[in-house]
N, C-alpha and C. Protein backbone atom coordinates (compact mmCIF):
# COMPACT_ATOMS: atom_id res chain seq x y z
N UNK A 1 2.36 7.35 -12.01
CA UNK A 1 3.40 7.50 -11.02
C UNK A 1 4.76 7.43 -11.72
N UNK A 2 5.58 8.44 -11.52
CA UNK A 2 6.93 8.46 -12.09
C UNK A 2 7.81 7.49 -11.30
N UNK A 3 8.44 6.56 -12.01
CA UNK A 3 9.35 5.61 -11.36
C UNK A 3 10.68 5.64 -12.09
N UNK A 4 11.70 6.22 -11.45
CA UNK A 4 13.04 6.17 -12.02
C UNK A 4 13.58 4.74 -11.91
N UNK A 5 14.50 4.36 -12.78
CA UNK A 5 15.03 2.98 -12.72
C UNK A 5 15.58 2.59 -11.36
N UNK A 6 16.21 3.54 -10.68
CA UNK A 6 16.81 3.21 -9.37
C UNK A 6 15.78 3.11 -8.24
N UNK A 7 14.53 3.52 -8.51
CA UNK A 7 13.46 3.43 -7.51
C UNK A 7 12.52 2.26 -7.79
N UNK A 8 12.68 1.59 -8.92
CA UNK A 8 11.73 0.55 -9.31
C UNK A 8 11.78 -0.63 -8.34
N UNK A 9 10.64 -1.27 -8.18
CA UNK A 9 10.57 -2.45 -7.34
C UNK A 9 11.55 -3.51 -7.84
N UNK A 10 12.19 -4.20 -6.90
CA UNK A 10 13.16 -5.22 -7.25
C UNK A 10 12.51 -6.57 -7.54
N UNK A 11 11.18 -6.61 -7.49
CA UNK A 11 10.50 -7.86 -7.81
C UNK A 11 9.29 -8.09 -6.95
N UNK A 12 8.61 -9.21 -7.21
CA UNK A 12 7.36 -9.51 -6.53
C UNK A 12 7.51 -9.61 -5.02
N UNK A 13 8.60 -10.21 -4.55
CA UNK A 13 8.78 -10.37 -3.11
C UNK A 13 8.78 -9.01 -2.41
N UNK A 14 9.39 -7.99 -3.05
CA UNK A 14 9.46 -6.67 -2.42
C UNK A 14 8.09 -6.00 -2.39
N UNK A 15 7.43 -5.91 -3.56
CA UNK A 15 6.15 -5.18 -3.56
C UNK A 15 5.10 -5.94 -2.78
N UNK A 16 5.11 -7.28 -2.86
CA UNK A 16 4.10 -8.06 -2.15
C UNK A 16 4.28 -7.93 -0.64
N UNK A 17 5.51 -7.99 -0.16
CA UNK A 17 5.76 -7.85 1.26
C UNK A 17 5.28 -6.50 1.79
N UNK A 18 5.52 -5.45 1.00
CA UNK A 18 5.08 -4.11 1.41
C UNK A 18 3.57 -4.01 1.43
N UNK A 19 2.89 -4.47 0.39
CA UNK A 19 1.43 -4.39 0.31
C UNK A 19 0.78 -5.19 1.44
N UNK A 20 1.31 -6.37 1.71
CA UNK A 20 0.77 -7.18 2.80
C UNK A 20 0.95 -6.49 4.15
N UNK A 21 2.11 -5.89 4.36
CA UNK A 21 2.39 -5.25 5.64
C UNK A 21 1.53 -4.01 5.86
N UNK A 22 1.28 -3.25 4.80
CA UNK A 22 0.49 -2.02 4.94
C UNK A 22 -0.98 -2.35 5.24
N UNK A 23 -1.57 -3.22 4.44
CA UNK A 23 -2.95 -3.69 4.64
C UNK A 23 -3.99 -2.59 4.62
N UNK A 24 -3.64 -1.40 4.16
CA UNK A 24 -4.59 -0.30 4.07
C UNK A 24 -4.19 0.56 2.88
N UNK A 25 -5.18 0.94 2.07
CA UNK A 25 -4.87 1.74 0.90
C UNK A 25 -6.07 2.52 0.41
N UNK A 26 -5.92 3.09 -0.77
CA UNK A 26 -6.97 3.88 -1.39
C UNK A 26 -7.47 3.14 -2.64
N UNK A 27 -8.74 2.75 -2.61
CA UNK A 27 -9.37 2.12 -3.77
C UNK A 27 -9.92 3.22 -4.66
N UNK A 28 -9.50 3.23 -5.91
CA UNK A 28 -9.87 4.30 -6.84
C UNK A 28 -10.64 3.70 -8.01
N UNK A 29 -11.89 4.15 -8.15
CA UNK A 29 -12.74 3.68 -9.23
C UNK A 29 -13.08 4.87 -10.13
N UNK A 30 -12.63 4.81 -11.37
CA UNK A 30 -12.82 5.94 -12.27
C UNK A 30 -14.21 6.02 -12.87
N UNK A 31 -14.93 4.89 -12.89
CA UNK A 31 -16.24 4.89 -13.52
C UNK A 31 -16.13 5.22 -14.99
N UNK A 32 -17.14 5.93 -15.49
CA UNK A 32 -17.16 6.30 -16.89
C UNK A 32 -17.75 7.70 -17.04
N UNK A 33 -17.01 8.57 -17.72
CA UNK A 33 -17.48 9.94 -18.01
C UNK A 33 -17.79 10.70 -16.73
N UNK A 34 -16.97 10.51 -15.68
CA UNK A 34 -17.16 11.24 -14.43
C UNK A 34 -16.16 12.38 -14.34
N UNK A 35 -16.53 13.44 -13.64
CA UNK A 35 -15.61 14.56 -13.45
C UNK A 35 -14.46 14.14 -12.55
N UNK A 36 -14.75 13.35 -11.53
CA UNK A 36 -13.73 12.88 -10.60
C UNK A 36 -13.96 11.40 -10.30
N UNK A 37 -12.88 10.66 -10.02
CA UNK A 37 -13.06 9.25 -9.62
C UNK A 37 -13.58 9.17 -8.19
N UNK A 38 -14.05 7.99 -7.81
CA UNK A 38 -14.44 7.73 -6.42
C UNK A 38 -13.22 7.13 -5.73
N UNK A 39 -12.82 7.71 -4.60
CA UNK A 39 -11.65 7.27 -3.86
C UNK A 39 -12.10 6.82 -2.47
N UNK A 40 -11.79 5.57 -2.14
CA UNK A 40 -12.26 4.99 -0.88
C UNK A 40 -11.08 4.47 -0.06
N UNK A 41 -10.83 5.03 1.13
CA UNK A 41 -9.82 4.45 2.01
C UNK A 41 -10.35 3.13 2.58
N UNK A 42 -9.52 2.10 2.54
CA UNK A 42 -10.04 0.79 2.94
C UNK A 42 -8.95 -0.17 3.42
N UNK A 43 -9.35 -1.02 4.36
CA UNK A 43 -8.53 -2.17 4.74
C UNK A 43 -8.69 -3.23 3.65
N UNK A 44 -7.69 -4.09 3.50
CA UNK A 44 -7.76 -5.14 2.48
C UNK A 44 -6.88 -6.30 2.90
N UNK A 45 -7.05 -7.40 2.21
CA UNK A 45 -6.18 -8.56 2.37
C UNK A 45 -5.65 -8.95 1.00
N UNK A 46 -4.35 -9.11 0.89
CA UNK A 46 -3.74 -9.58 -0.34
C UNK A 46 -3.68 -11.11 -0.28
N UNK A 47 -4.34 -11.75 -1.23
CA UNK A 47 -4.42 -13.21 -1.24
C UNK A 47 -4.04 -13.72 -2.63
N UNK A 48 -2.82 -14.25 -2.74
CA UNK A 48 -2.31 -14.74 -4.02
C UNK A 48 -2.40 -13.63 -5.06
N UNK A 49 -3.18 -13.83 -6.12
CA UNK A 49 -3.24 -12.84 -7.21
C UNK A 49 -4.49 -11.98 -7.15
N UNK A 50 -5.07 -11.85 -5.97
CA UNK A 50 -6.23 -10.98 -5.84
C UNK A 50 -6.22 -10.28 -4.48
N UNK A 51 -7.02 -9.23 -4.41
CA UNK A 51 -7.19 -8.46 -3.18
C UNK A 51 -8.63 -8.64 -2.72
N UNK A 52 -8.82 -8.89 -1.42
CA UNK A 52 -10.15 -9.09 -0.87
C UNK A 52 -10.49 -7.95 0.08
N UNK A 53 -11.74 -7.46 0.00
CA UNK A 53 -12.19 -6.43 0.92
C UNK A 53 -13.70 -6.38 0.92
N UNK A 54 -14.25 -5.62 1.85
CA UNK A 54 -15.70 -5.39 1.86
C UNK A 54 -15.95 -3.94 2.23
N UNK A 55 -17.09 -3.42 1.75
CA UNK A 55 -17.46 -2.03 2.00
C UNK A 55 -18.96 -1.97 2.25
N UNK A 56 -19.39 -0.87 2.86
CA UNK A 56 -20.82 -0.69 3.13
C UNK A 56 -21.60 -0.55 1.82
N UNK A 57 -22.80 -1.06 1.84
CA UNK A 57 -23.64 -1.03 0.64
C UNK A 57 -23.91 0.40 0.14
N UNK A 58 -24.07 1.42 1.02
CA UNK A 58 -24.34 2.77 0.50
C UNK A 58 -23.13 3.46 -0.12
N UNK A 59 -21.97 2.82 -0.10
CA UNK A 59 -20.76 3.45 -0.62
C UNK A 59 -20.94 3.83 -2.10
N UNK A 60 -20.57 5.04 -2.48
CA UNK A 60 -20.74 5.46 -3.89
C UNK A 60 -19.83 4.73 -4.86
N UNK A 61 -18.87 3.97 -4.36
CA UNK A 61 -17.94 3.29 -5.26
C UNK A 61 -18.64 2.24 -6.13
N UNK A 62 -19.77 1.70 -5.64
CA UNK A 62 -20.43 0.63 -6.39
C UNK A 62 -20.93 1.10 -7.75
N UNK A 63 -21.44 2.31 -7.81
CA UNK A 63 -21.92 2.84 -9.09
C UNK A 63 -20.77 2.98 -10.08
N UNK A 64 -19.61 3.46 -9.57
CA UNK A 64 -18.45 3.63 -10.45
C UNK A 64 -17.94 2.28 -10.94
N UNK A 65 -17.96 1.26 -10.08
CA UNK A 65 -17.52 -0.07 -10.49
C UNK A 65 -18.47 -0.69 -11.51
N UNK A 66 -19.77 -0.44 -11.34
CA UNK A 66 -20.74 -0.91 -12.33
C UNK A 66 -20.46 -0.30 -13.70
N UNK A 67 -20.05 0.96 -13.71
CA UNK A 67 -19.75 1.64 -14.97
C UNK A 67 -18.46 1.12 -15.60
N UNK A 68 -17.48 0.79 -14.75
CA UNK A 68 -16.17 0.35 -15.24
C UNK A 68 -15.49 -0.48 -14.14
N UNK A 69 -15.37 -1.78 -14.33
CA UNK A 69 -14.81 -2.64 -13.28
C UNK A 69 -13.30 -2.57 -13.12
N UNK A 70 -12.62 -1.81 -13.97
CA UNK A 70 -11.18 -1.63 -13.80
C UNK A 70 -10.93 -0.59 -12.71
N UNK A 71 -10.22 -0.99 -11.67
CA UNK A 71 -9.98 -0.11 -10.53
C UNK A 71 -8.48 -0.10 -10.21
N UNK A 72 -8.10 0.83 -9.36
CA UNK A 72 -6.71 0.95 -8.92
C UNK A 72 -6.69 0.93 -7.39
N UNK A 73 -5.85 0.07 -6.82
CA UNK A 73 -5.61 0.11 -5.39
C UNK A 73 -4.24 0.74 -5.19
N UNK A 74 -4.21 1.89 -4.53
CA UNK A 74 -2.97 2.63 -4.31
C UNK A 74 -2.57 2.50 -2.85
N UNK A 75 -1.35 2.00 -2.64
CA UNK A 75 -0.85 1.78 -1.29
C UNK A 75 0.46 2.54 -1.15
N UNK A 76 0.56 3.40 -0.14
CA UNK A 76 1.79 4.16 0.10
C UNK A 76 2.08 4.18 1.59
N UNK A 77 3.36 4.24 1.93
CA UNK A 77 3.71 4.27 3.34
C UNK A 77 5.21 4.21 3.55
N UNK A 78 5.60 3.91 4.80
CA UNK A 78 7.01 3.80 5.19
C UNK A 78 7.79 5.04 4.74
N UNK A 79 7.20 6.22 4.99
CA UNK A 79 7.81 7.44 4.50
C UNK A 79 8.57 8.16 5.61
N UNK A 80 9.60 8.89 5.21
CA UNK A 80 10.40 9.67 6.16
C UNK A 80 10.98 10.87 5.42
N UNK A 81 10.88 12.05 6.04
CA UNK A 81 11.47 13.25 5.46
C UNK A 81 12.97 13.24 5.72
N UNK A 82 13.75 13.54 4.69
CA UNK A 82 15.20 13.60 4.79
C UNK A 82 15.64 15.05 4.63
N UNK A 83 16.06 15.72 5.73
CA UNK A 83 16.44 17.14 5.65
C UNK A 83 17.64 17.38 4.74
N UNK A 84 17.77 18.62 4.29
CA UNK A 84 18.85 18.98 3.37
C UNK A 84 20.22 18.63 3.92
N UNK A 85 20.46 18.93 5.20
CA UNK A 85 21.78 18.73 5.78
C UNK A 85 22.18 17.26 5.83
N UNK A 86 21.19 16.36 5.84
CA UNK A 86 21.49 14.94 5.89
C UNK A 86 22.12 14.44 4.60
N UNK A 87 21.98 15.20 3.53
CA UNK A 87 22.49 14.77 2.24
C UNK A 87 23.94 15.18 2.03
N UNK A 88 24.53 15.79 3.07
CA UNK A 88 25.93 16.24 2.98
C UNK A 88 26.80 15.38 3.89
N UNK A 89 27.98 14.98 3.40
CA UNK A 89 28.93 14.22 4.20
C UNK A 89 30.31 14.84 4.02
N UNK A 90 31.21 14.49 4.94
CA UNK A 90 32.58 15.01 4.84
C UNK A 90 32.62 16.52 4.88
N UNK A 91 33.33 17.11 3.92
CA UNK A 91 33.46 18.57 3.90
C UNK A 91 32.41 19.23 3.01
N UNK A 92 31.36 18.49 2.62
CA UNK A 92 30.29 19.08 1.83
C UNK A 92 29.49 20.06 2.68
N UNK A 93 29.03 21.13 2.07
CA UNK A 93 28.27 22.17 2.77
C UNK A 93 26.84 21.68 3.04
N UNK A 94 26.45 21.51 4.32
CA UNK A 94 25.09 21.04 4.64
C UNK A 94 24.00 21.94 4.07
N UNK A 95 24.32 23.24 3.94
CA UNK A 95 23.32 24.18 3.44
C UNK A 95 22.99 23.92 1.98
N UNK A 96 23.85 23.21 1.28
CA UNK A 96 23.63 22.97 -0.14
C UNK A 96 23.01 21.59 -0.41
N UNK A 97 22.71 20.87 0.65
CA UNK A 97 22.04 19.58 0.47
C UNK A 97 20.64 19.77 -0.08
N UNK A 98 20.13 18.75 -0.71
CA UNK A 98 18.79 18.81 -1.30
C UNK A 98 17.87 17.89 -0.50
N UNK A 99 16.87 18.46 0.18
CA UNK A 99 15.96 17.62 0.98
C UNK A 99 15.09 16.74 0.08
N UNK A 100 14.59 15.69 0.66
CA UNK A 100 13.72 14.79 -0.09
C UNK A 100 12.85 14.02 0.89
N UNK A 101 12.00 13.19 0.37
CA UNK A 101 11.20 12.28 1.18
C UNK A 101 11.40 10.88 0.66
N UNK A 102 11.73 9.98 1.57
CA UNK A 102 11.79 8.56 1.23
C UNK A 102 10.41 7.95 1.44
N UNK A 103 9.99 7.08 0.53
CA UNK A 103 8.69 6.42 0.68
C UNK A 103 8.60 5.23 -0.26
N UNK A 104 7.63 4.38 0.04
CA UNK A 104 7.30 3.27 -0.85
C UNK A 104 5.87 3.46 -1.33
N UNK A 105 5.61 3.08 -2.57
CA UNK A 105 4.27 3.18 -3.14
C UNK A 105 4.08 2.06 -4.14
N UNK A 106 2.95 1.39 -4.04
CA UNK A 106 2.61 0.32 -4.99
C UNK A 106 1.19 0.57 -5.47
N UNK A 107 1.01 0.49 -6.78
CA UNK A 107 -0.30 0.65 -7.38
C UNK A 107 -0.68 -0.63 -8.11
N UNK A 108 -1.82 -1.18 -7.72
CA UNK A 108 -2.32 -2.42 -8.31
C UNK A 108 -3.50 -2.10 -9.22
N UNK A 109 -3.34 -2.38 -10.50
CA UNK A 109 -4.46 -2.24 -11.43
C UNK A 109 -5.21 -3.55 -11.45
N UNK A 110 -6.50 -3.49 -11.19
CA UNK A 110 -7.27 -4.71 -10.95
C UNK A 110 -8.59 -4.72 -11.70
N UNK A 111 -9.12 -5.93 -11.89
CA UNK A 111 -10.48 -6.13 -12.39
C UNK A 111 -11.35 -6.51 -11.20
N UNK A 112 -12.37 -5.70 -10.94
CA UNK A 112 -13.21 -5.87 -9.75
C UNK A 112 -14.40 -6.77 -10.02
N UNK A 113 -14.64 -7.68 -9.09
CA UNK A 113 -15.84 -8.51 -9.10
C UNK A 113 -16.58 -8.28 -7.79
N UNK A 114 -17.84 -7.84 -7.89
CA UNK A 114 -18.66 -7.58 -6.70
C UNK A 114 -19.21 -8.90 -6.18
N UNK A 115 -19.15 -9.06 -4.86
CA UNK A 115 -19.63 -10.29 -4.22
C UNK A 115 -20.85 -9.95 -3.37
N UNK A 116 -22.00 -10.49 -3.76
CA UNK A 116 -23.24 -10.20 -3.04
C UNK A 116 -23.87 -11.42 -2.37
N UNK A 117 -23.42 -12.61 -2.73
CA UNK A 117 -24.02 -13.79 -2.11
C UNK A 117 -23.46 -14.00 -0.71
N UNK A 118 -24.27 -14.59 0.16
CA UNK A 118 -23.90 -14.75 1.56
C UNK A 118 -22.62 -15.56 1.71
N UNK A 119 -22.52 -16.68 1.02
CA UNK A 119 -21.33 -17.53 1.14
C UNK A 119 -20.07 -16.79 0.72
N UNK A 120 -20.17 -16.02 -0.35
CA UNK A 120 -19.01 -15.27 -0.82
C UNK A 120 -18.58 -14.19 0.15
N UNK A 121 -19.55 -13.47 0.73
CA UNK A 121 -19.21 -12.44 1.71
C UNK A 121 -18.61 -13.05 2.96
N UNK A 122 -19.16 -14.16 3.40
CA UNK A 122 -18.62 -14.82 4.59
C UNK A 122 -17.18 -15.29 4.34
N UNK A 123 -16.90 -15.77 3.16
CA UNK A 123 -15.54 -16.22 2.84
C UNK A 123 -14.55 -15.06 2.94
N UNK A 124 -14.95 -13.89 2.45
CA UNK A 124 -14.07 -12.71 2.53
C UNK A 124 -13.89 -12.29 3.98
N UNK A 125 -14.97 -12.23 4.74
CA UNK A 125 -14.88 -11.82 6.15
C UNK A 125 -14.01 -12.79 6.95
N UNK A 126 -14.17 -14.08 6.70
CA UNK A 126 -13.36 -15.07 7.42
C UNK A 126 -11.88 -14.92 7.10
N UNK A 127 -11.57 -14.65 5.82
CA UNK A 127 -10.17 -14.48 5.45
C UNK A 127 -9.59 -13.23 6.12
N UNK A 128 -10.37 -12.16 6.16
CA UNK A 128 -9.89 -10.94 6.82
C UNK A 128 -9.65 -11.18 8.30
N UNK A 129 -10.56 -11.85 8.96
CA UNK A 129 -10.39 -12.14 10.38
C UNK A 129 -9.19 -13.04 10.63
N UNK A 130 -8.97 -14.01 9.77
CA UNK A 130 -7.81 -14.89 9.91
C UNK A 130 -6.50 -14.12 9.82
N UNK A 131 -6.49 -13.08 8.98
CA UNK A 131 -5.28 -12.28 8.80
C UNK A 131 -5.10 -11.27 9.93
N UNK A 132 -6.18 -10.57 10.28
CA UNK A 132 -6.06 -9.47 11.24
C UNK A 132 -6.26 -9.87 12.70
N UNK A 133 -6.94 -11.01 12.94
CA UNK A 133 -7.19 -11.44 14.31
C UNK A 133 -6.92 -12.93 14.50
N UNK A 134 -5.78 -13.41 14.10
CA UNK A 134 -5.54 -14.85 14.24
C UNK A 134 -5.52 -15.27 15.71
N UNK A 135 -6.29 -16.31 16.01
CA UNK A 135 -6.29 -16.85 17.36
C UNK A 135 -6.93 -15.98 18.42
N UNK A 136 -7.73 -15.00 18.01
CA UNK A 136 -8.32 -14.08 19.00
C UNK A 136 -9.58 -14.64 19.65
N UNK A 137 -10.11 -15.74 19.11
CA UNK A 137 -11.33 -16.30 19.68
C UNK A 137 -12.59 -15.60 19.21
N UNK A 138 -12.51 -14.83 18.14
CA UNK A 138 -13.68 -14.12 17.62
C UNK A 138 -14.72 -15.12 17.11
N UNK A 139 -15.98 -14.72 17.14
CA UNK A 139 -17.05 -15.57 16.62
C UNK A 139 -16.98 -15.63 15.10
N UNK A 140 -17.48 -16.71 14.54
CA UNK A 140 -17.56 -16.79 13.09
C UNK A 140 -18.53 -15.72 12.60
N UNK A 141 -18.18 -15.02 11.51
CA UNK A 141 -19.05 -13.94 11.03
C UNK A 141 -20.46 -14.38 10.66
N UNK A 142 -20.68 -15.66 10.53
CA UNK A 142 -22.03 -16.15 10.20
C UNK A 142 -23.03 -15.80 11.29
N UNK A 143 -22.56 -15.56 12.52
CA UNK A 143 -23.49 -15.19 13.60
C UNK A 143 -24.11 -13.82 13.33
N UNK A 144 -23.52 -13.04 12.44
CA UNK A 144 -24.03 -11.71 12.10
C UNK A 144 -24.74 -11.72 10.74
N UNK A 145 -25.27 -12.86 10.37
CA UNK A 145 -25.84 -13.01 9.03
C UNK A 145 -26.93 -11.98 8.74
N UNK A 146 -27.67 -11.56 9.75
CA UNK A 146 -28.73 -10.58 9.52
C UNK A 146 -28.18 -9.23 9.09
N UNK A 147 -26.88 -8.97 9.38
CA UNK A 147 -26.27 -7.69 9.01
C UNK A 147 -25.57 -7.75 7.66
N UNK A 148 -25.43 -8.92 7.12
CA UNK A 148 -24.68 -9.06 5.87
C UNK A 148 -25.28 -8.29 4.69
N UNK A 149 -26.61 -8.11 4.62
CA UNK A 149 -27.13 -7.30 3.50
C UNK A 149 -26.59 -5.87 3.49
N UNK A 150 -26.05 -5.41 4.61
CA UNK A 150 -25.54 -4.04 4.68
C UNK A 150 -24.16 -3.85 4.08
N UNK A 151 -23.51 -4.96 3.66
CA UNK A 151 -22.19 -4.85 3.05
C UNK A 151 -22.17 -5.59 1.72
N UNK A 152 -21.15 -5.27 0.94
CA UNK A 152 -20.88 -6.01 -0.30
C UNK A 152 -19.40 -6.33 -0.31
N UNK A 153 -19.06 -7.48 -0.86
CA UNK A 153 -17.66 -7.86 -0.95
C UNK A 153 -17.06 -7.49 -2.29
N UNK A 154 -15.74 -7.45 -2.33
CA UNK A 154 -15.02 -7.19 -3.58
C UNK A 154 -13.84 -8.15 -3.69
N UNK A 155 -13.71 -8.72 -4.87
CA UNK A 155 -12.52 -9.47 -5.22
C UNK A 155 -11.85 -8.72 -6.37
N UNK A 156 -10.62 -8.31 -6.16
CA UNK A 156 -9.88 -7.55 -7.16
C UNK A 156 -8.79 -8.43 -7.75
N UNK A 157 -8.98 -8.85 -8.99
CA UNK A 157 -7.99 -9.66 -9.69
C UNK A 157 -6.87 -8.75 -10.20
N UNK A 158 -5.65 -8.98 -9.74
CA UNK A 158 -4.53 -8.10 -10.07
C UNK A 158 -4.11 -8.32 -11.52
N UNK A 159 -4.12 -7.22 -12.27
CA UNK A 159 -3.75 -7.27 -13.68
C UNK A 159 -2.35 -6.69 -13.91
N UNK A 160 -2.01 -5.65 -13.17
CA UNK A 160 -0.72 -4.97 -13.39
C UNK A 160 -0.25 -4.37 -12.05
N UNK A 161 1.06 -4.39 -11.84
CA UNK A 161 1.64 -3.86 -10.60
C UNK A 161 2.72 -2.85 -10.95
N UNK A 162 2.66 -1.68 -10.33
CA UNK A 162 3.72 -0.69 -10.43
C UNK A 162 4.21 -0.37 -9.03
N UNK A 163 5.48 -0.63 -8.78
CA UNK A 163 6.02 -0.41 -7.45
C UNK A 163 7.17 0.58 -7.46
N UNK A 164 7.18 1.46 -6.48
CA UNK A 164 8.24 2.47 -6.35
C UNK A 164 8.77 2.45 -4.92
N UNK A 165 10.09 2.33 -4.78
CA UNK A 165 10.72 2.33 -3.47
C UNK A 165 11.82 3.39 -3.49
N UNK A 166 11.44 4.60 -3.11
CA UNK A 166 12.32 5.77 -3.23
C UNK A 166 13.16 5.91 -1.96
N UNK A 167 14.32 5.27 -1.99
CA UNK A 167 15.18 5.25 -0.81
C UNK A 167 16.65 5.50 -1.18
N UNK A 168 16.88 6.60 -1.88
CA UNK A 168 18.25 7.03 -2.16
C UNK A 168 18.99 6.18 -3.17
N UNK A 169 18.27 5.49 -4.04
CA UNK A 169 18.93 4.65 -5.02
C UNK A 169 19.81 5.40 -6.00
N UNK A 170 19.62 6.71 -6.11
CA UNK A 170 20.43 7.52 -7.03
C UNK A 170 21.68 8.09 -6.36
N UNK A 171 21.87 7.78 -5.06
CA UNK A 171 23.04 8.29 -4.33
C UNK A 171 24.06 7.17 -4.16
N UNK A 172 25.32 7.57 -3.88
CA UNK A 172 26.35 6.55 -3.67
C UNK A 172 26.21 5.96 -2.26
N UNK A 173 26.97 4.89 -2.02
CA UNK A 173 26.82 4.15 -0.77
C UNK A 173 27.13 5.00 0.45
N UNK A 174 28.13 5.86 0.36
CA UNK A 174 28.51 6.69 1.51
C UNK A 174 27.38 7.63 1.91
N UNK A 175 26.73 8.22 0.94
CA UNK A 175 25.62 9.13 1.25
C UNK A 175 24.41 8.37 1.77
N UNK A 176 24.14 7.19 1.22
CA UNK A 176 23.01 6.39 1.71
C UNK A 176 23.26 5.92 3.14
N UNK A 177 24.49 5.54 3.43
CA UNK A 177 24.82 5.09 4.78
C UNK A 177 24.66 6.23 5.78
N UNK A 178 25.06 7.44 5.40
CA UNK A 178 24.91 8.59 6.28
C UNK A 178 23.45 8.86 6.60
N UNK A 179 22.59 8.75 5.60
CA UNK A 179 21.16 8.96 5.84
C UNK A 179 20.61 7.86 6.74
N UNK A 180 21.02 6.63 6.51
CA UNK A 180 20.56 5.52 7.35
C UNK A 180 20.92 5.75 8.81
N UNK A 181 22.13 6.20 9.07
CA UNK A 181 22.57 6.46 10.44
C UNK A 181 21.75 7.59 11.08
N UNK A 182 21.42 8.59 10.30
CA UNK A 182 20.65 9.72 10.83
C UNK A 182 19.20 9.34 11.06
N UNK A 183 18.65 8.47 10.23
CA UNK A 183 17.30 7.96 10.47
C UNK A 183 17.26 7.17 11.77
N UNK A 184 18.30 6.37 12.00
CA UNK A 184 18.36 5.59 13.24
C UNK A 184 18.45 6.50 14.45
N UNK A 185 19.21 7.58 14.35
CA UNK A 185 19.37 8.50 15.47
C UNK A 185 18.10 9.28 15.74
N UNK A 186 17.40 9.70 14.69
CA UNK A 186 16.16 10.47 14.89
C UNK A 186 15.05 9.57 15.41
N UNK A 187 14.89 8.39 14.80
CA UNK A 187 13.93 7.38 15.25
C UNK A 187 12.52 7.93 15.42
N UNK A 188 12.09 8.75 14.46
CA UNK A 188 10.73 9.28 14.48
C UNK A 188 9.77 8.34 13.79
N UNK A 189 8.49 8.75 13.70
CA UNK A 189 7.50 7.91 13.02
C UNK A 189 7.92 7.64 11.57
N UNK A 190 7.96 6.41 11.20
CA UNK A 190 8.32 6.02 9.84
C UNK A 190 9.80 5.84 9.60
N UNK A 191 10.64 6.34 10.51
CA UNK A 191 12.09 6.28 10.28
C UNK A 191 12.63 4.86 10.27
N UNK A 192 12.15 4.02 11.17
CA UNK A 192 12.66 2.64 11.23
C UNK A 192 12.31 1.88 9.97
N UNK A 193 11.06 2.01 9.51
CA UNK A 193 10.65 1.32 8.30
C UNK A 193 11.42 1.83 7.09
N UNK A 194 11.59 3.15 7.00
CA UNK A 194 12.33 3.72 5.87
C UNK A 194 13.79 3.26 5.89
N UNK A 195 14.38 3.25 7.08
CA UNK A 195 15.77 2.80 7.19
C UNK A 195 15.89 1.33 6.79
N UNK A 196 14.88 0.52 7.16
CA UNK A 196 14.92 -0.88 6.78
C UNK A 196 14.92 -1.07 5.28
N UNK A 197 14.08 -0.31 4.57
CA UNK A 197 14.07 -0.39 3.11
C UNK A 197 15.41 0.09 2.54
N UNK A 198 15.93 1.19 3.09
CA UNK A 198 17.18 1.76 2.60
C UNK A 198 18.32 0.75 2.77
N UNK A 199 18.42 0.16 3.93
CA UNK A 199 19.52 -0.77 4.18
C UNK A 199 19.35 -2.06 3.37
N UNK A 200 18.13 -2.54 3.25
CA UNK A 200 17.90 -3.76 2.46
C UNK A 200 18.24 -3.56 1.01
N UNK A 201 17.80 -2.44 0.45
CA UNK A 201 18.05 -2.19 -0.97
C UNK A 201 19.51 -1.81 -1.24
N UNK A 202 20.21 -1.35 -0.19
CA UNK A 202 21.62 -0.96 -0.35
C UNK A 202 22.56 -2.12 -0.04
N UNK A 203 22.06 -3.14 0.63
CA UNK A 203 22.89 -4.28 0.95
C UNK A 203 23.80 -4.08 2.13
N UNK A 204 23.39 -3.17 3.05
CA UNK A 204 24.20 -3.04 4.27
C UNK A 204 23.28 -2.94 5.48
């Protein structure tokens, strides 16, 4: 992933907050000597320095992880298209603006550990339920113990983080402010989140 200096993550608080909020990404297992990697869309929980998730036992990702436990979790979101005219202010010609897309992306390089024991799988399921359904009154996953052989858990120990927050960092404040105002006016899917990143990183 190309990361210009002005798009780089400002630190752990930024990338961690984004990854926790998204809670869904693409798990990529390259395996060994494969023509293509295995890519699995999945829900996850970020817990301290590891990622927790579970997948169905027939998933082809397990063979790739057995071959090579180094995996990548790719998380992207909070994106908004910025039309060409939005990049022009004052007497600048809107037709000469350069369109772009604002987005955030974080890639976590991890060492995968497969969890097959009942206690380990239950611990992952309980943590996921605590995060996604706090206080909902759901039953403890142990009541479904007969179904547990159908899944396997994964603990991904985070080894390296690359974060990109592409929100006009290469533009001056006046141009960034103009885009922020137009995102607020359009208020389409993703615009509020993108504007939040833009304003936070710009300090206004």
